Amino acid sequence: MSNSDHLANERTLLAWIRTGIALIGFGFVIAKFVLFLHLLKPTGNTQSASIIYGEVMIILGVITILYGLYAYLAYEKDLEKGSIKPKKD
């Protein structure tokens, strides 16, 4: 396979990583939003749904990055073996 196939595979991995980092960052924003609300209006309860949603987004971001890495390594192995078949449109 050509060098451009390897480069395309790397670009795809970087896109997965970028998406995962965006999900993780958004998860932190959601989780920290409850702290901002607590500063505006102090209450005894700081546990809310936004912390749970934020944690879920962070976990989804990590899963996205791990899946991207898995897909990259699997495709790279297939490229090295030469067992990639072009998809028909």
PDB file of N, CA and C in Angstrom:
ATOM      1  N   MET A   1       0.839  -1.183   0.000  1.00  0.00           N
ATOM      2  CA  MET A   1       0.000   0.000   0.000  1.00  0.00           C
ATOM      3  C   MET A   1       0.885   1.248   0.000  1.00  0.00           C
ATOM      4  N   SER A   2       0.313   2.324  -0.441  1.00  0.00           N
ATOM      5  CA  SER A   2       1.095   3.548  -0.591  1.00  0.00           C
ATOM      6  C   SER A   2       1.207   4.305   0.727  1.00  0.00           C
ATOM      7  N   ASN A   3       2.120   5.231   0.719  1.00  0.00           N
ATOM      8  CA  ASN A   3       2.335   6.075   1.891  1.00  0.00           C
ATOM      9  C   ASN A   3       1.098   6.910   2.200  1.00  0.00           C
ATOM     10  N   SER A   4       0.347   7.272   1.180  1.00  0.00           N
ATOM     11  CA  SER A   4      -0.855   8.088   1.410  1.00  0.00           C
ATOM     12  C   SER A   4      -1.910   7.316   2.196  1.00  0.00           C
ATOM     13  N   ASP A   5      -1.929   5.996   2.069  1.00  0.00           N
ATOM     14  CA  ASP A   5      -2.864   5.197   2.872  1.00  0.00           C
ATOM     15  C   ASP A   5      -2.507   5.272   4.352  1.00  0.00           C
ATOM     16  N   HIS A   6      -1.219   5.205   4.646  1.00  0.00           N
ATOM     17  CA  HIS A   6      -0.778   5.310   6.042  1.00  0.00           C
ATOM     18  C   HIS A   6      -1.071   6.704   6.602  1.00  0.00           C
ATOM     19  N   LEU A   7      -0.838   7.711   5.778  1.00  0.00           N
ATOM     20  CA  LEU A   7      -1.105   9.081   6.226  1.00  0.00           C
ATOM     21  C   LEU A   7      -2.600   9.311   6.447  1.00  0.00           C
ATOM     22  N   ALA A   8      -3.429   8.744   5.597  1.00  0.00           N
ATOM     23  CA  ALA A   8      -4.881   8.867   5.771  1.00  0.00           C
ATOM     24  C   ALA A   8      -5.313   8.173   7.056  1.00  0.00           C
ATOM     25  N   ASN A   9      -4.702   7.030   7.345  1.00  0.00           N
ATOM     26  CA  ASN A   9      -5.016   6.317   8.579  1.00  0.00           C
ATOM     27  C   ASN A   9      -4.618   7.155   9.793  1.00  0.00           C
ATOM     28  N   GLU A  10      -3.473   7.823   9.725  1.00  0.00           N
ATOM     29  CA  GLU A  10      -3.042   8.686  10.829  1.00  0.00           C
ATOM     30  C   GLU A  10      -3.964   9.893  10.993  1.00  0.00           C
ATOM     31  N   ARG A  11      -4.406  10.467   9.887  1.00  0.00           N
ATOM     32  CA  ARG A  11      -5.351  11.597   9.970  1.00  0.00           C
ATOM     33  C   ARG A  11      -6.660  11.167  10.615  1.00  0.00           C
ATOM     34  N   THR A  12      -7.092   9.963  10.300  1.00  0.00           N
ATOM     35  CA  THR A  12      -8.316   9.451  10.901  1.00  0.00           C
ATOM     36  C   THR A  12      -8.135   9.265  12.405  1.00  0.00           C
ATOM     37  N   LEU A  13      -6.978   8.735  12.815  1.00  0.00           N
ATOM     38  CA  LEU A  13      -6.693   8.595  14.248  1.00  0.00           C
ATOM     39  C   LEU A  13      -6.716   9.955  14.931  1.00  0.00           C
ATOM     40  N   LEU A  14      -6.097  10.943  14.308  1.00  0.00           N
ATOM     41  CA  LEU A  14      -6.085  12.286  14.902  1.00  0.00           C
ATOM     42  C   LEU A  14      -7.493  12.863  15.022  1.00  0.00           C
ATOM     43  N   ALA A  15      -8.353  12.551  14.075  1.00  0.00           N
ATOM     44  CA  ALA A  15      -9.744  13.013  14.154  1.00  0.00           C
ATOM     45  C   ALA A  15     -10.457  12.354  15.330  1.00  0.00           C
ATOM     46  N   TRP A  16     -10.214  11.050  15.544  1.00  0.00           N
ATOM     47  CA  TRP A  16     -10.810  10.372  16.698  1.00  0.00           C
ATOM     48  C   TRP A  16     -10.310  10.989  17.999  1.00  0.00           C
ATOM     49  N   ILE A  17      -9.010  11.255  18.067  1.00  0.00           N
ATOM     50  CA  ILE A  17      -8.429  11.841  19.283  1.00  0.00           C
ATOM     51  C   ILE A  17      -8.999  13.241  19.519  1.00  0.00           C
ATOM     52  N   ARG A  18      -9.092  14.037  18.464  1.00  0.00           N
ATOM     53  CA  ARG A  18      -9.652  15.386  18.593  1.00  0.00           C
ATOM     54  C   ARG A  18     -11.089  15.341  19.093  1.00  0.00           C
ATOM     55  N   THR A  19     -11.872  14.410  18.578  1.00  0.00           N
ATOM     56  CA  THR A  19     -13.257  14.276  19.021  1.00  0.00           C
ATOM     57  C   THR A  19     -13.318  13.843  20.479  1.00  0.00           C
ATOM     58  N   GLY A  20     -12.465  12.895  20.863  1.00  0.00           N
ATOM     59  CA  GLY A  20     -12.436  12.443  22.248  1.00  0.00           C
ATOM     60  C   GLY A  20     -12.036  13.549  23.211  1.00  0.00           C
ATOM     61  N   ILE A  21     -11.054  14.342  22.833  1.00  0.00           N
ATOM     62  CA  ILE A  21     -10.623  15.456  23.689  1.00  0.00           C
ATOM     63  C   ILE A  21     -11.742  16.487  23.817  1.00  0.00           C
ATOM     64  N   ALA A  22     -12.463  16.732  22.729  1.00  0.00           N
ATOM     65  CA  ALA A  22     -13.587  17.676  22.790  1.00  0.00           C
ATOM     66  C   ALA A  22     -14.664  17.155  23.737  1.00  0.00           C
ATOM     67  N   LEU A  23     -14.962  15.864  23.683  1.00  0.00           N
ATOM     68  CA  LEU A  23     -15.956  15.290  24.595  1.00  0.00           C
ATOM     69  C   LEU A  23     -15.497  15.394  26.048  1.00  0.00           C
ATOM     70  N   ILE A  24     -14.225  15.119  26.290  1.00  0.00           N
ATOM     71  CA  ILE A  24     -13.689  15.209  27.649  1.00  0.00           C
ATOM     72  C   ILE A  24     -13.758  16.650  28.148  1.00  0.00           C
ATOM     73  N   GLY A  25     -13.362  17.590  27.307  1.00  0.00           N
ATOM     74  CA  GLY A  25     -13.424  19.006  27.704  1.00  0.00           C
ATOM     75  C   GLY A  25     -14.849  19.452  27.986  1.00  0.00           C
ATOM     76  N   PHE A  26     -15.769  19.038  27.141  1.00  0.00           N
ATOM     77  CA  PHE A  26     -17.171  19.390  27.356  1.00  0.00           C
ATOM     78  C   PHE A  26     -17.694  18.752  28.643  1.00  0.00           C
ATOM     79  N   GLY A  27     -17.235  17.544  28.930  1.00  0.00           N
ATOM     80  CA  GLY A  27     -17.627  16.883  30.179  1.00  0.00           C
ATOM     81  C   GLY A  27     -17.160  17.647  31.400  1.00  0.00           C
ATOM     82  N   PHE A  28     -15.919  18.168  31.345  1.00  0.00           N
ATOM     83  CA  PHE A  28     -15.422  18.978  32.460  1.00  0.00           C
ATOM     84  C   PHE A  28     -16.239  20.257  32.611  1.00  0.00           C
ATOM     85  N   VAL A  29     -16.600  20.876  31.513  1.00  0.00           N
ATOM     86  CA  VAL A  29     -17.405  22.101  31.578  1.00  0.00           C
ATOM     87  C   VAL A  29     -18.751  21.812  32.225  1.00  0.00           C
ATOM     88  N   ILE A  30     -19.382  20.730  31.825  1.00  0.00           N
ATOM     89  CA  ILE A  30     -20.680  20.370  32.400  1.00  0.00           C
ATOM     90  C   ILE A  30     -20.544  20.075  33.893  1.00  0.00           C
ATOM     91  N   ALA A  31     -19.517  19.310  34.272  1.00  0.00           N
ATOM     92  CA  ALA A  31     -19.330  18.943  35.677  1.00  0.00           C
ATOM     93  C   ALA A  31     -19.009  20.160  36.538  1.00  0.00           C
ATOM     94  N   LYS A  32     -18.246  21.097  36.006  1.00  0.00           N
ATOM     95  CA  LYS A  32     -17.870  22.277  36.798  1.00  0.00           C
ATOM     96  C   LYS A  32     -18.974  23.335  36.837  1.00  0.00           C
ATOM     97  N   PHE A  33     -19.946  23.206  35.967  1.00  0.00           N
ATOM     98  CA  PHE A  33     -21.028  24.193  35.948  1.00  0.00           C
ATOM     99  C   PHE A  33     -21.784  24.217  37.274  1.00  0.00           C
ATOM    100  N   VAL A  34     -21.931  23.073  37.914  1.00  0.00           N
ATOM    101  CA  VAL A  34     -22.629  23.024  39.194  1.00  0.00           C
ATOM    102  C   VAL A  34     -21.855  23.801  40.259  1.00  0.00           C
ATOM    103  N   LEU A  35     -20.524  23.810  40.168  1.00  0.00           N
ATOM    104  CA  LEU A  35     -19.745  24.595  41.128  1.00  0.00           C
ATOM    105  C   LEU A  35     -19.966  26.088  40.926  1.00  0.00           C
ATOM    106  N   PHE A  36     -20.092  26.497  39.665  1.00  0.00           N
ATOM    107  CA  PHE A  36     -20.384  27.889  39.363  1.00  0.00           C
ATOM    108  C   PHE A  36     -21.752  28.278  39.931  1.00  0.00           C
ATOM    109  N   LEU A  37     -22.731  27.409  39.747  1.00  0.00           N
ATOM    110  CA  LEU A  37     -24.055  27.685  40.292  1.00  0.00           C
ATOM    111  C   LEU A  37     -24.033  27.730  41.814  1.00  0.00           C
ATOM    112  N   HIS A  38     -23.200  26.893  42.421  1.00  0.00           N
ATOM    113  CA  HIS A  38     -23.091  26.878  43.875  1.00  0.00           C
ATOM    114  C   HIS A  38     -22.472  28.183  44.392  1.00  0.00           C
ATOM    115  N   LEU A  39     -21.571  28.773  43.617  1.00  0.00           N
ATOM    116  CA  LEU A  39     -20.994  30.060  44.022  1.00  0.00           C
ATOM    117  C   LEU A  39     -22.031  31.178  43.951  1.00  0.00           C
ATOM    118  N   LEU A  40     -22.899  31.098  42.957  1.00  0.00           N
ATOM    119  CA  LEU A  40     -23.940  32.120  42.824  1.00  0.00           C
ATOM    120  C   LEU A  40     -25.008  32.006  43.890  1.00  0.00           C
ATOM    121  N   LYS A  41     -25.379  30.783  44.191  1.00  0.00           N
ATOM    122  CA  LYS A  41     -26.459  30.551  45.158  1.00  0.00           C
ATOM    123  C   LYS A  41     -26.070  29.371  46.039  1.00  0.00           C
ATOM    124  N   PRO A  42     -25.386  29.646  47.143  1.00  0.00           N
ATOM    125  CA  PRO A  42     -24.912  28.547  47.992  1.00  0.00           C
ATOM    126  C   PRO A  42     -26.066  27.734  48.582  1.00  0.00           C
ATOM    127  N   THR A  43     -25.956  26.435  48.418  1.00  0.00           N
ATOM    128  CA  THR A  43     -26.898  25.503  49.035  1.00  0.00           C
ATOM    129  C   THR A  43     -26.080  24.380  49.639  1.00  0.00           C
ATOM    130  N   GLY A  44     -26.711  23.576  50.447  1.00  0.00           N
ATOM    131  CA  GLY A  44     -26.001  22.470  51.082  1.00  0.00           C
ATOM    132  C   GLY A  44     -25.705  21.329  50.126  1.00  0.00           C
ATOM    133  N   ASN A  45     -26.467  21.221  49.047  1.00  0.00           N
ATOM    134  CA  ASN A  45     -26.318  20.093  48.132  1.00  0.00           C
ATOM    135  C   ASN A  45     -25.559  20.522  46.877  1.00  0.00           C
ATOM    136  N   THR A  46     -24.358  19.973  46.680  1.00  0.00           N
ATOM    137  CA  THR A  46     -23.606  20.282  45.466  1.00  0.00           C
ATOM    138  C   THR A  46     -23.694  19.151  44.453  1.00  0.00           C
ATOM    139  N   GLN A  47     -24.290  18.024  44.842  1.00  0.00           N
ATOM    140  CA  GLN A  47     -24.442  16.896  43.918  1.00  0.00           C
ATOM    141  C   GLN A  47     -25.648  17.161  43.025  1.00  0.00           C
ATOM    142  N   SER A  48     -25.445  17.089  41.741  1.00  0.00           N
ATOM    143  CA  SER A  48     -26.559  17.286  40.822  1.00  0.00           C
ATOM    144  C   SER A  48     -26.357  16.436  39.584  1.00  0.00           C
ATOM    145  N   ALA A  49     -27.326  16.506  38.713  1.00  0.00           N
ATOM    146  CA  ALA A  49     -27.273  15.720  37.478  1.00  0.00           C
ATOM    147  C   ALA A  49     -26.142  16.190  36.570  1.00  0.00           C
ATOM    148  N   SER A  50     -25.754  17.467  36.656  1.00  0.00           N
ATOM    149  CA  SER A  50     -24.706  17.955  35.761  1.00  0.00           C
ATOM    150  C   SER A  50     -23.369  17.274  36.036  1.00  0.00           C
ATOM    151  N   ILE A  51     -23.105  16.905  37.280  1.00  0.00           N
ATOM    152  CA  ILE A  51     -21.868  16.183  37.582  1.00  0.00           C
ATOM    153  C   ILE A  51     -21.903  14.802  36.930  1.00  0.00           C
ATOM    154  N   ILE A  52     -23.045  14.140  37.025  1.00  0.00           N
ATOM    155  CA  ILE A  52     -23.185  12.810  36.418  1.00  0.00           C
ATOM    156  C   ILE A  52     -23.067  12.911  34.905  1.00  0.00           C
ATOM    157  N   TYR A  53     -23.742  13.880  34.289  1.00  0.00           N
ATOM    158  CA  TYR A  53     -23.643  14.065  32.833  1.00  0.00           C
ATOM    159  C   TYR A  53     -22.213  14.381  32.414  1.00  0.00           C
ATOM    160  N   GLY A  54     -21.541  15.196  33.193  1.00  0.00           N
ATOM    161  CA  GLY A  54     -20.150  15.516  32.900  1.00  0.00           C
ATOM    162  C   GLY A  54     -19.256  14.292  32.952  1.00  0.00           C
ATOM    163  N   GLU A  55     -19.456  13.459  33.977  1.00  0.00           N
ATOM    164  CA  GLU A  55     -18.669  12.236  34.089  1.00  0.00           C
ATOM    165  C   GLU A  55     -18.941  11.289  32.924  1.00  0.00           C
ATOM    166  N   VAL A  56     -20.190  11.210  32.498  1.00  0.00           N
ATOM    167  CA  VAL A  56     -20.540  10.364  31.356  1.00  0.00           C
ATOM    168  C   VAL A  56     -19.845  10.871  30.092  1.00  0.00           C
ATOM    169  N   MET A  57     -19.818  12.183  29.889  1.00  0.00           N
ATOM    170  CA  MET A  57     -19.153  12.753  28.716  1.00  0.00           C
ATOM    171  C   MET A  57     -17.650  12.475  28.751  1.00  0.00           C
ATOM    172  N   ILE A  58     -17.053  12.555  29.929  1.00  0.00           N
ATOM    173  CA  ILE A  58     -15.623  12.267  30.063  1.00  0.00           C
ATOM    174  C   ILE A  58     -15.353  10.807  29.721  1.00  0.00           C
ATOM    175  N   ILE A  59     -16.179   9.911  30.223  1.00  0.00           N
ATOM    176  CA  ILE A  59     -16.020   8.486  29.925  1.00  0.00           C
ATOM    177  C   ILE A  59     -16.206   8.223  28.433  1.00  0.00           C
ATOM    178  N   LEU A  60     -17.203   8.870  27.821  1.00  0.00           N
ATOM    179  CA  LEU A  60     -17.409   8.707  26.377  1.00  0.00           C
ATOM    180  C   LEU A  60     -16.206   9.212  25.584  1.00  0.00           C
ATOM    181  N   GLY A  61     -15.598  10.295  26.051  1.00  0.00           N
ATOM    182  CA  GLY A  61     -14.404  10.807  25.387  1.00  0.00           C
ATOM    183  C   GLY A  61     -13.250   9.826  25.437  1.00  0.00           C
ATOM    184  N   VAL A  62     -13.051   9.208  26.593  1.00  0.00           N
ATOM    185  CA  VAL A  62     -11.984   8.220  26.737  1.00  0.00           C
ATOM    186  C   VAL A  62     -12.274   7.005  25.847  1.00  0.00           C
ATOM    187  N   ILE A  63     -13.525   6.560  25.833  1.00  0.00           N
ATOM    188  CA  ILE A  63     -13.907   5.422  24.983  1.00  0.00           C
ATOM    189  C   ILE A  63     -13.682   5.760  23.507  1.00  0.00           C
ATOM    190  N   THR A  64     -14.000   6.978  23.115  1.00  0.00           N
ATOM    191  CA  THR A  64     -13.798   7.408  21.730  1.00  0.00           C
ATOM    192  C   THR A  64     -12.324   7.343  21.345  1.00  0.00           C
ATOM    193  N   ILE A  65     -11.458   7.825  22.214  1.00  0.00           N
ATOM    194  CA  ILE A  65     -10.024   7.788  21.937  1.00  0.00           C
ATOM    195  C   ILE A  65      -9.519   6.347  21.866  1.00  0.00           C
ATOM    196  N   LEU A  66      -9.966   5.510  22.789  1.00  0.00           N
ATOM    197  CA  LEU A  66      -9.531   4.115  22.774  1.00  0.00           C
ATOM    198  C   LEU A  66     -10.018   3.384  21.526  1.00  0.00           C
ATOM    199  N   TYR A  67     -11.256   3.659  21.103  1.00  0.00           N
ATOM    200  CA  TYR A  67     -11.759   3.033  19.884  1.00  0.00           C
ATOM    201  C   TYR A  67     -10.962   3.515  18.667  1.00  0.00           C
ATOM    202  N   GLY A  68     -10.658   4.795  18.612  1.00  0.00           N
ATOM    203  CA  GLY A  68      -9.869   5.328  17.509  1.00  0.00           C
ATOM    204  C   GLY A  68      -8.498   4.684  17.436  1.00  0.00           C
ATOM    205  N   LEU A  69      -7.881   4.481  18.599  1.00  0.00           N
ATOM    206  CA  LEU A  69      -6.580   3.827  18.637  1.00  0.00           C
ATOM    207  C   LEU A  69      -6.690   2.373  18.169  1.00  0.00           C
ATOM    208  N   TYR A  70      -7.730   1.677  18.614  1.00  0.00           N
ATOM    209  CA  TYR A  70      -7.946   0.293  18.191  1.00  0.00           C
ATOM    210  C   TYR A  70      -8.139   0.214  16.671  1.00  0.00           C
ATOM    211  N   ALA A  71      -8.987   1.083  16.133  1.00  0.00           N
ATOM    212  CA  ALA A  71      -9.256   1.067  14.700  1.00  0.00           C
ATOM    213  C   ALA A  71      -7.980   1.399  13.911  1.00  0.00           C
ATOM    214  N   TYR A  72      -7.212   2.346  14.404  1.00  0.00           N
ATOM    215  CA  TYR A  72      -5.952   2.709  13.747  1.00  0.00           C
ATOM    216  C   TYR A  72      -5.003   1.520  13.692  1.00  0.00           C
ATOM    217  N   LEU A  73      -4.810   0.869  14.837  1.00  0.00           N
ATOM    218  CA  LEU A  73      -3.865  -0.249  14.885  1.00  0.00           C
ATOM    219  C   LEU A  73      -4.337  -1.410  14.013  1.00  0.00           C
ATOM    220  N   ALA A  74      -5.632  -1.688  14.026  1.00  0.00           N
ATOM    221  CA  ALA A  74      -6.157  -2.778  13.197  1.00  0.00           C
ATOM    222  C   ALA A  74      -5.981  -2.469  11.711  1.00  0.00           C
ATOM    223  N   TYR A  75      -6.282  -1.261  11.306  1.00  0.00           N
ATOM    224  CA  TYR A  75      -6.160  -0.889   9.904  1.00  0.00           C
ATOM    225  C   TYR A  75      -4.696  -0.835   9.485  1.00  0.00           C
ATOM    226  N   GLU A  76      -3.841  -0.370  10.377  1.00  0.00           N
ATOM    227  CA  GLU A  76      -2.409  -0.311  10.076  1.00  0.00           C
ATOM    228  C   GLU A  76      -1.848  -1.721   9.877  1.00  0.00           C
ATOM    229  N   LYS A  77      -2.296  -2.652  10.708  1.00  0.00           N
ATOM    230  CA  LYS A  77      -1.857  -4.041  10.558  1.00  0.00           C
ATOM    231  C   LYS A  77      -2.314  -4.603   9.214  1.00  0.00           C
ATOM    232  N   ASP A  78      -3.552  -4.294   8.828  1.00  0.00           N
ATOM    233  CA  ASP A  78      -4.053  -4.752   7.530  1.00  0.00           C
ATOM    234  C   ASP A  78      -3.292  -4.095   6.380  1.00  0.00           C
ATOM    235  N   LEU A  79      -2.934  -2.836   6.542  1.00  0.00           N
ATOM    236  CA  LEU A  79      -2.147  -2.165   5.509  1.00  0.00           C
ATOM    237  C   LEU A  79      -0.783  -2.832   5.338  1.00  0.00           C
ATOM    238  N   GLU A  80      -0.151  -3.182   6.444  1.00  0.00           N
ATOM    239  CA  GLU A  80       1.159  -3.823   6.383  1.00  0.00           C
ATOM    240  C   GLU A  80       1.081  -5.193   5.715  1.00  0.00           C
ATOM    241  N   LYS A  81      -0.005  -5.925   5.980  1.00  0.00           N
ATOM    242  CA  LYS A  81      -0.177  -7.246   5.374  1.00  0.00           C
ATOM    243  C   LYS A  81      -0.625  -7.155   3.920  1.00  0.00           C
ATOM    244  N   GLY A  82      -1.160  -6.002   3.539  1.00  0.00           N
ATOM    245  CA  GLY A  82      -1.665  -5.845   2.179  1.00  0.00           C
ATOM    246  C   GLY A  82      -3.014  -6.487   1.971  1.00  0.00           C
ATOM    247  N   SER A  83      -3.774  -6.644   3.049  1.00  0.00           N
ATOM    248  CA  SER A  83      -5.070  -7.323   2.948  1.00  0.00           C
ATOM    249  C   SER A  83      -6.251  -6.352   2.909  1.00  0.00           C
ATOM    250  N   ILE A  84      -5.988  -5.103   2.583  1.00  0.00           N
ATOM    251  CA  ILE A  84      -7.054  -4.105   2.476  1.00  0.00           C
ATOM    252  C   ILE A  84      -7.678  -4.185   1.095  1.00  0.00           C
ATOM    253  N   LYS A  85      -8.978  -4.313   1.064  1.00  0.00           N
ATOM    254  CA  LYS A  85      -9.700  -4.319  -0.196  1.00  0.00           C
ATOM    255  C   LYS A  85     -10.454  -2.995  -0.325  1.00  0.00           C
ATOM    256  N   PRO A  86     -10.365  -2.349  -1.463  1.00  0.00           N
ATOM    257  CA  PRO A  86     -11.088  -1.088  -1.619  1.00  0.00           C
ATOM    258  C   PRO A  86     -12.593  -1.303  -1.519  1.00  0.00           C
ATOM    259  N   LYS A  87     -13.260  -0.342  -0.887  1.00  0.00           N
ATOM    260  CA  LYS A  87     -14.718  -0.410  -0.777  1.00  0.00           C
ATOM    261  C   LYS A  87     -15.345   0.016  -2.086  1.00  0.00           C
ATOM    262  N   LYS A  88     -16.383  -0.691  -2.474  1.00  0.00           N
ATOM    263  CA  LYS A  88     -17.098  -0.323  -3.689  1.00  0.00           C
ATOM    264  C   LYS A  88     -18.184   0.686  -3.329  1.00  0.00           C
ATOM    265  N   ASP A  89     -18.300   1.731  -4.116  1.00  0.00           N
ATOM    266  CA  ASP A  89     -19.307   2.765  -3.855  1.00  0.00           C
ATOM    267  C   ASP A  89     -20.627   2.396  -4.482  1.00  0.00           C
TER     268      ASP A  89
END
